[in-house]
Amino acid sequence: MSLTSGGPRDWAAYYRKTGERPPRPTAVFALDRFDAEPDAAPRLVVDLGAGGGRDVIAFLQRGWRVIAIDGEAAAADSLRARQDLPDGALLETRTAQFEDAHWPQCDLVNSSFALPLCAPDQFVAVWEKIVGSLLPGGRFAGQLYGERDSWAGRPGMTFHTRSEVERLFANFEIELFEEEEDDSETPRGETKHWHVFHVVARLRAD
């Protein structure tokens, strides 16, 4: 299941198109929060659903080490072919589904519009893996889909109510929480109703 329609041969063009867009505000917000901390040394971010790299480039430009994970091999190819990839970038790409992926302890897990692609029977395990991988004071940045999204009910995707999202972050300090509903087009030109939770949250150290 993908955020777009079309077959695998469409992925390269999709990543080129979306990769040219600026980084997601949630990713930038999380970066700024880390920069504001006393120890602002570059750290490790795991980007789940890295796609064409619109967020990855922002992390690399600030000197972070990045592990970019995506279920499509075309994502890694697109990312490494980017003209704006910084020289000496500390980038590792991995092709894996979230439920099969493994990654080390990290300071930030970023997942922009990708976690809803987890099937409901896989989501809890993936979420526990995310939380368990965060170092004390680490952050999550990304999006979850609400139950009023027009894709709600699609096989292989997970949707949440607001109260369910709040429970997911019970052990976090919420730094940004925005609930958005509007009608617009997907990157492939499909009209849809979006119901999205934008979240940046810091894992409590206690």
C-alpha atoms as a PDB file:
ATOM      1  CA  MET A   1       0.000   0.000   0.000  1.00  0.00           C
ATOM      2  CA  SER A   2       1.324   3.443  -0.875  1.00  0.00           C
ATOM      3  CA  LEU A   3       0.257   7.020  -0.483  1.00  0.00           C
ATOM      4  CA  THR A   4      -0.231   7.155  -4.226  1.00  0.00           C
ATOM      5  CA  SER A   5      -1.726   5.070  -6.968  1.00  0.00           C
ATOM      6  CA  GLY A   6       0.263   3.449  -9.726  1.00  0.00           C
ATOM      7  CA  GLY A   7       2.714   0.604 -10.092  1.00  0.00           C
ATOM      8  CA  PRO A   8       6.303   0.195  -8.966  1.00  0.00           C
ATOM      9  CA  ARG A   9       7.651   1.670 -12.214  1.00  0.00           C
ATOM     10  CA  ASP A  10       6.162   5.018 -11.105  1.00  0.00           C
ATOM     11  CA  TRP A  11       8.264   5.306  -7.939  1.00  0.00           C
ATOM     12  CA  ALA A  12      11.351   6.907  -9.491  1.00  0.00           C
ATOM     13  CA  ALA A  13       9.300   9.741 -10.993  1.00  0.00           C
ATOM     14  CA  TYR A  14       7.325  10.125  -7.779  1.00  0.00           C
ATOM     15  CA  TYR A  15      10.495  10.460  -5.687  1.00  0.00           C
ATOM     16  CA  ARG A  16      11.964  12.983  -8.097  1.00  0.00           C
ATOM     17  CA  LYS A  17       8.825  15.096  -7.871  1.00  0.00           C
ATOM     18  CA  THR A  18       8.336  14.994  -4.115  1.00  0.00           C
ATOM     19  CA  GLY A  19      12.052  15.101  -3.302  1.00  0.00           C
ATOM     20  CA  GLU A  20      12.301  18.577  -4.771  1.00  0.00           C
ATOM     21  CA  ARG A  21       9.921  19.940  -2.148  1.00  0.00           C
ATOM     22  CA  PRO A  22      11.197  21.561   1.063  1.00  0.00           C
ATOM     23  CA  PRO A  23      11.529  19.484   4.233  1.00  0.00           C
ATOM     24  CA  ARG A  24       8.415  18.891   6.281  1.00  0.00           C
ATOM     25  CA  PRO A  25       7.817  21.504   9.005  1.00  0.00           C
ATOM     26  CA  THR A  26       7.803  18.760  11.646  1.00  0.00           C
ATOM     27  CA  ALA A  27      11.319  17.689  10.653  1.00  0.00           C
ATOM     28  CA  VAL A  28      12.590  21.280  10.735  1.00  0.00           C
ATOM     29  CA  PHE A  29      10.863  21.925  14.065  1.00  0.00           C
ATOM     30  CA  ALA A  30      12.568  18.895  15.610  1.00  0.00           C
ATOM     31  CA  LEU A  31      15.957  19.971  14.245  1.00  0.00           C
ATOM     32  CA  ASP A  32      15.509  23.442  15.692  1.00  0.00           C
ATOM     33  CA  ARG A  33      14.634  21.975  19.078  1.00  0.00           C
ATOM     34  CA  PHE A  34      17.814  19.934  19.108  1.00  0.00           C
ATOM     35  CA  ASP A  35      19.859  22.963  18.021  1.00  0.00           C
ATOM     36  CA  ALA A  36      18.447  24.937  20.959  1.00  0.00           C
ATOM     37  CA  GLU A  37      19.709  22.411  23.505  1.00  0.00           C
ATOM     38  CA  PRO A  38      23.024  23.004  25.330  1.00  0.00           C
ATOM     39  CA  ASP A  39      24.620  19.974  23.654  1.00  0.00           C
ATOM     40  CA  ALA A  40      23.833  20.757  20.031  1.00  0.00           C
ATOM     41  CA  ALA A  41      26.378  18.365  18.521  1.00  0.00           C
ATOM     42  CA  PRO A  42      25.198  16.500  15.401  1.00  0.00           C
ATOM     43  CA  ARG A  43      23.369  13.310  16.210  1.00  0.00           C
ATOM     44  CA  LEU A  44      21.740  10.257  14.626  1.00  0.00           C
ATOM     45  CA  VAL A  45      18.320  10.307  12.958  1.00  0.00           C
ATOM     46  CA  VAL A  46      16.457   7.332  11.541  1.00  0.00           C
ATOM     47  CA  ASP A  47      14.120   8.426   8.727  1.00  0.00           C
ATOM     48  CA  LEU A  48      11.350   5.870   8.208  1.00  0.00           C
ATOM     49  CA  GLY A  49       9.819   6.208   4.766  1.00  0.00           C
ATOM     50  CA  ALA A  50      12.587   8.494   3.563  1.00  0.00           C
ATOM     51  CA  GLY A  51      11.285   8.586  -0.007  1.00  0.00           C
ATOM     52  CA  GLY A  52      13.129  11.008  -2.259  1.00  0.00           C
ATOM     53  CA  GLY A  53      14.918  12.575   0.680  1.00  0.00           C
ATOM     54  CA  ARG A  54      13.220  15.929   1.234  1.00  0.00           C
ATOM     55  CA  ASP A  55      13.773  15.591   5.008  1.00  0.00           C
ATOM     56  CA  VAL A  56      17.031  13.644   4.758  1.00  0.00           C
ATOM     57  CA  ILE A  57      18.782  16.517   2.980  1.00  0.00           C
ATOM     58  CA  ALA A  58      17.831  18.899   5.800  1.00  0.00           C
ATOM     59  CA  PHE A  59      19.339  16.534   8.378  1.00  0.00           C
ATOM     60  CA  LEU A  60      22.532  16.066   6.380  1.00  0.00           C
ATOM     61  CA  GLN A  61      22.928  19.801   5.837  1.00  0.00           C
ATOM     62  CA  ARG A  62      23.038  20.240   9.607  1.00  0.00           C
ATOM     63  CA  GLY A  63      25.703  17.589   9.956  1.00  0.00           C
ATOM     64  CA  TRP A  64      23.542  14.779  11.286  1.00  0.00           C
ATOM     65  CA  ARG A  65      24.218  11.113  10.612  1.00  0.00           C
ATOM     66  CA  VAL A  66      21.210   9.646   8.800  1.00  0.00           C
ATOM     67  CA  ILE A  67      19.895   6.114   8.375  1.00  0.00           C
ATOM     68  CA  ALA A  68      17.257   6.394   5.626  1.00  0.00           C
ATOM     69  CA  ILE A  69      14.841   3.442   5.485  1.00  0.00           C
ATOM     70  CA  ASP A  70      12.232   2.882   2.788  1.00  0.00           C
ATOM     71  CA  GLY A  71      10.377  -0.118   1.440  1.00  0.00           C
ATOM     72  CA  GLU A  72      11.213   0.760  -2.159  1.00  0.00           C
ATOM     73  CA  ALA A  73      14.730   0.367  -3.576  1.00  0.00           C
ATOM     74  CA  ALA A  74      14.015   3.309  -5.866  1.00  0.00           C
ATOM     75  CA  ALA A  75      14.020   5.575  -2.813  1.00  0.00           C
ATOM     76  CA  ALA A  76      17.685   4.884  -2.056  1.00  0.00           C
ATOM     77  CA  ASP A  77      18.609   5.299  -5.728  1.00  0.00           C
ATOM     78  CA  SER A  78      16.763   8.621  -5.904  1.00  0.00           C
ATOM     79  CA  LEU A  79      18.305   9.889  -2.686  1.00  0.00           C
ATOM     80  CA  ARG A  80      21.886   9.066  -3.661  1.00  0.00           C
ATOM     81  CA  ALA A  81      21.380  10.669  -7.080  1.00  0.00           C
ATOM     82  CA  ARG A  82      20.369  14.046  -5.620  1.00  0.00           C
ATOM     83  CA  GLN A  83      22.481  16.968  -6.753  1.00  0.00           C
ATOM     84  CA  ASP A  84      22.175  18.660  -3.357  1.00  0.00           C
ATOM     85  CA  LEU A  85      23.584  15.713  -1.405  1.00  0.00           C
ATOM     86  CA  PRO A  86      26.309  17.304   0.771  1.00  0.00           C
ATOM     87  CA  ASP A  87      29.904  16.225   0.250  1.00  0.00           C
ATOM     88  CA  GLY A  88      30.944  13.722   2.903  1.00  0.00           C
ATOM     89  CA  ALA A  89      27.325  13.143   3.931  1.00  0.00           C
ATOM     90  CA  LEU A  90      26.968  10.645   6.783  1.00  0.00           C
ATOM     91  CA  LEU A  91      24.211   8.727   5.014  1.00  0.00           C
ATOM     92  CA  GLU A  92      23.244   5.066   5.118  1.00  0.00           C
ATOM     93  CA  THR A  93      20.297   3.813   3.054  1.00  0.00           C
ATOM     94  CA  ARG A  94      18.369   0.641   3.779  1.00  0.00           C
ATOM     95  CA  THR A  95      15.530  -1.006   1.853  1.00  0.00           C
ATOM     96  CA  ALA A  96      13.082  -2.693   4.216  1.00  0.00           C
ATOM     97  CA  GLN A  97       9.486  -2.645   5.361  1.00  0.00           C
ATOM     98  CA  PHE A  98       9.084  -0.985   8.750  1.00  0.00           C
ATOM     99  CA  GLU A  99       8.059  -4.215  10.452  1.00  0.00           C
ATOM    100  CA  ASP A 100      11.242  -5.925   9.195  1.00  0.00           C
ATOM    101  CA  ALA A 101      13.667  -3.035   9.641  1.00  0.00           C
ATOM    102  CA  HIS A 102      16.176  -2.796  12.458  1.00  0.00           C
ATOM    103  CA  TRP A 103      18.122   0.274  13.506  1.00  0.00           C
ATOM    104  CA  PRO A 104      20.333   1.364  16.415  1.00  0.00           C
ATOM    105  CA  GLN A 105      19.535   3.671  19.305  1.00  0.00           C
ATOM    106  CA  CYS A 106      19.069   7.170  17.955  1.00  0.00           C
ATOM    107  CA  ASP A 107      18.237  10.744  18.900  1.00  0.00           C
ATOM    108  CA  LEU A 108      15.363  11.190  16.456  1.00  0.00           C
ATOM    109  CA  VAL A 109      12.961   9.000  14.513  1.00  0.00           C
ATOM    110  CA  ASN A 110      11.444  10.976  11.657  1.00  0.00           C
ATOM    111  CA  SER A 111       8.555   9.541   9.656  1.00  0.00           C
ATOM    112  CA  SER A 112       6.785  12.005   7.392  1.00  0.00           C
ATOM    113  CA  PHE A 113       3.409  10.679   6.188  1.00  0.00           C
ATOM    114  CA  ALA A 114       4.746   7.114   6.260  1.00  0.00           C
ATOM    115  CA  LEU A 115       3.640   5.402   9.484  1.00  0.00           C
ATOM    116  CA  PRO A 116      -0.006   5.152   8.336  1.00  0.00           C
ATOM    117  CA  LEU A 117       1.268   2.661   5.748  1.00  0.00           C
ATOM    118  CA  CYS A 118       1.745   0.113   8.539  1.00  0.00           C
ATOM    119  CA  ALA A 119      -0.999  -2.475   8.643  1.00  0.00           C
ATOM    120  CA  PRO A 120      -3.035  -2.392  11.870  1.00  0.00           C
ATOM    121  CA  ASP A 121      -1.683  -5.781  12.969  1.00  0.00           C
ATOM    122  CA  GLN A 122       1.885  -4.484  12.553  1.00  0.00           C
ATOM    123  CA  PHE A 123       1.537  -0.952  13.869  1.00  0.00           C
ATOM    124  CA  VAL A 124       1.856  -1.619  17.598  1.00  0.00           C
ATOM    125  CA  ALA A 125       5.088  -3.585  17.156  1.00  0.00           C
ATOM    126  CA  VAL A 126       6.543  -0.904  14.885  1.00  0.00           C
ATOM    127  CA  TRP A 127       5.583   1.846  17.322  1.00  0.00           C
ATOM    128  CA  GLU A 128       7.135  -0.031  20.246  1.00  0.00           C
ATOM    129  CA  LYS A 129      10.301  -0.437  18.174  1.00  0.00           C
ATOM    130  CA  ILE A 130      10.368   3.307  17.504  1.00  0.00           C
ATOM    131  CA  VAL A 131       9.906   4.243  21.155  1.00  0.00           C
ATOM    132  CA  GLY A 132      12.396   1.613  22.296  1.00  0.00           C
ATOM    133  CA  SER A 133      15.067   2.918  19.924  1.00  0.00           C
ATOM    134  CA  LEU A 134      14.981   6.495  21.222  1.00  0.00           C
ATOM    135  CA  LEU A 135      17.718   7.604  23.570  1.00  0.00           C
ATOM    136  CA  PRO A 136      16.630   9.492  26.721  1.00  0.00           C
ATOM    137  CA  GLY A 137      15.416  12.882  25.549  1.00  0.00           C
ATOM    138  CA  GLY A 138      15.092  11.608  21.981  1.00  0.00           C
ATOM    139  CA  ARG A 139      12.315  12.761  19.725  1.00  0.00           C
ATOM    140  CA  PHE A 140       9.726  11.525  17.256  1.00  0.00           C
ATOM    141  CA  ALA A 141       8.643  13.762  14.378  1.00  0.00           C
ATOM    142  CA  GLY A 142       6.020  12.861  11.823  1.00  0.00           C
ATOM    143  CA  GLN A 143       2.388  12.316  10.968  1.00  0.00           C
ATOM    144  CA  LEU A 144      -0.445   9.935  11.766  1.00  0.00           C
ATOM    145  CA  TYR A 145      -3.765   9.737   9.909  1.00  0.00           C
ATOM    146  CA  GLY A 146      -7.091  10.408  11.579  1.00  0.00           C
ATOM    147  CA  GLU A 147     -10.248   8.362  11.295  1.00  0.00           C
ATOM    148  CA  ARG A 148     -11.961  10.968   9.093  1.00  0.00           C
ATOM    149  CA  ASP A 149      -9.323  10.764   6.370  1.00  0.00           C
ATOM    150  CA  SER A 150     -10.919   9.693   3.089  1.00  0.00           C
ATOM    151  CA  TRP A 151      -8.528   6.731   2.896  1.00  0.00           C
ATOM    152  CA  ALA A 152      -9.725   5.382   6.263  1.00  0.00           C
ATOM    153  CA  GLY A 153     -10.576   1.719   5.920  1.00  0.00           C
ATOM    154  CA  ARG A 154      -8.096   0.970   3.158  1.00  0.00           C
ATOM    155  CA  PRO A 155      -6.478  -2.432   3.684  1.00  0.00           C
ATOM    156  CA  GLY A 156      -2.934  -2.294   5.011  1.00  0.00           C
ATOM    157  CA  MET A 157      -3.205   1.194   6.528  1.00  0.00           C
ATOM    158  CA  THR A 158      -3.644   2.384  10.124  1.00  0.00           C
ATOM    159  CA  PHE A 159      -5.768   5.323  11.266  1.00  0.00           C
ATOM    160  CA  HIS A 160      -6.209   6.836  14.735  1.00  0.00           C
ATOM    161  CA  THR A 161      -8.629   8.960  16.709  1.00  0.00           C
ATOM    162  CA  ARG A 162      -7.218  11.967  18.522  1.00  0.00           C
ATOM    163  CA  SER A 163      -7.452  10.171  21.879  1.00  0.00           C
ATOM    164  CA  GLU A 164      -5.579   7.182  20.452  1.00  0.00           C
ATOM    165  CA  VAL A 165      -2.794   9.454  19.216  1.00  0.00           C
ATOM    166  CA  GLU A 166      -2.573  11.103  22.625  1.00  0.00           C
ATOM    167  CA  ARG A 167      -2.215   7.683  24.263  1.00  0.00           C
ATOM    168  CA  LEU A 168       0.637   6.792  21.919  1.00  0.00           C
ATOM    169  CA  PHE A 169       2.544   9.780  23.302  1.00  0.00           C
ATOM    170  CA  ALA A 170       1.717   9.241  26.969  1.00  0.00           C
ATOM    171  CA  ASN A 171       5.427   8.947  27.830  1.00  0.00           C
ATOM    172  CA  PHE A 172       6.431  11.959  25.748  1.00  0.00           C
ATOM    173  CA  GLU A 173       6.506  15.699  26.214  1.00  0.00           C
ATOM    174  CA  ILE A 174       4.447  17.081  23.330  1.00  0.00           C
ATOM    175  CA  GLU A 175       6.292  19.946  21.642  1.00  0.00           C
ATOM    176  CA  LEU A 176       4.122  20.312  18.542  1.00  0.00           C
ATOM    177  CA  PHE A 177       0.657  18.869  17.985  1.00  0.00           C
ATOM    178  CA  GLU A 178      -1.528  20.010  15.093  1.00  0.00           C
ATOM    179  CA  GLU A 179      -4.685  18.335  13.859  1.00  0.00           C
ATOM    180  CA  GLU A 180      -5.378  19.184  10.217  1.00  0.00           C
ATOM    181  CA  GLU A 181      -8.404  18.539   8.041  1.00  0.00           C
ATOM    182  CA  ASP A 182      -8.674  19.806   4.496  1.00  0.00           C
ATOM    183  CA  ASP A 183      -9.318  18.812   0.907  1.00  0.00           C
ATOM    184  CA  SER A 184      -6.456  18.901  -1.556  1.00  0.00           C
ATOM    185  CA  GLU A 185      -4.600  16.788  -4.097  1.00  0.00           C
ATOM    186  CA  THR A 186      -2.103  14.015  -3.552  1.00  0.00           C
ATOM    187  CA  PRO A 187       1.265  14.254  -5.358  1.00  0.00           C
ATOM    188  CA  ARG A 188      -0.320  12.186  -8.144  1.00  0.00           C
ATOM    189  CA  GLY A 189      -3.196  14.616  -8.604  1.00  0.00           C
ATOM    190  CA  GLU A 190      -5.906  12.679  -6.759  1.00  0.00           C
ATOM    191  CA  THR A 191      -8.400  14.770  -4.786  1.00  0.00           C
ATOM    192  CA  LYS A 192      -8.868  13.582  -1.215  1.00  0.00           C
ATOM    193  CA  HIS A 193      -9.905  14.639   2.267  1.00  0.00           C
ATOM    194  CA  TRP A 194      -6.947  14.701   4.631  1.00  0.00           C
ATOM    195  CA  HIS A 195      -7.250  14.157   8.372  1.00  0.00           C
ATOM    196  CA  VAL A 196      -3.713  14.322   9.721  1.00  0.00           C
ATOM    197  CA  PHE A 197      -1.996  14.682  13.094  1.00  0.00           C
ATOM    198  CA  HIS A 198       1.363  16.480  12.881  1.00  0.00           C
ATOM    199  CA  VAL A 199       3.474  15.643  15.934  1.00  0.00           C
ATOM    200  CA  VAL A 200       6.874  16.403  17.394  1.00  0.00           C
ATOM    201  CA  ALA A 201       7.395  14.917  20.844  1.00  0.00           C
ATOM    202  CA  ARG A 202      10.328  14.389  23.196  1.00  0.00           C
ATOM    203  CA  LEU A 203      10.674  11.159  25.157  1.00  0.00           C
ATOM    204  CA  ARG A 204      10.718  11.823  28.861  1.00  0.00           C
ATOM    205  CA  ALA A 205      14.036  10.948  30.425  1.00  0.00           C
ATOM    206  CA  ASP A 206      12.560   9.795  33.749  1.00  0.00           C
END
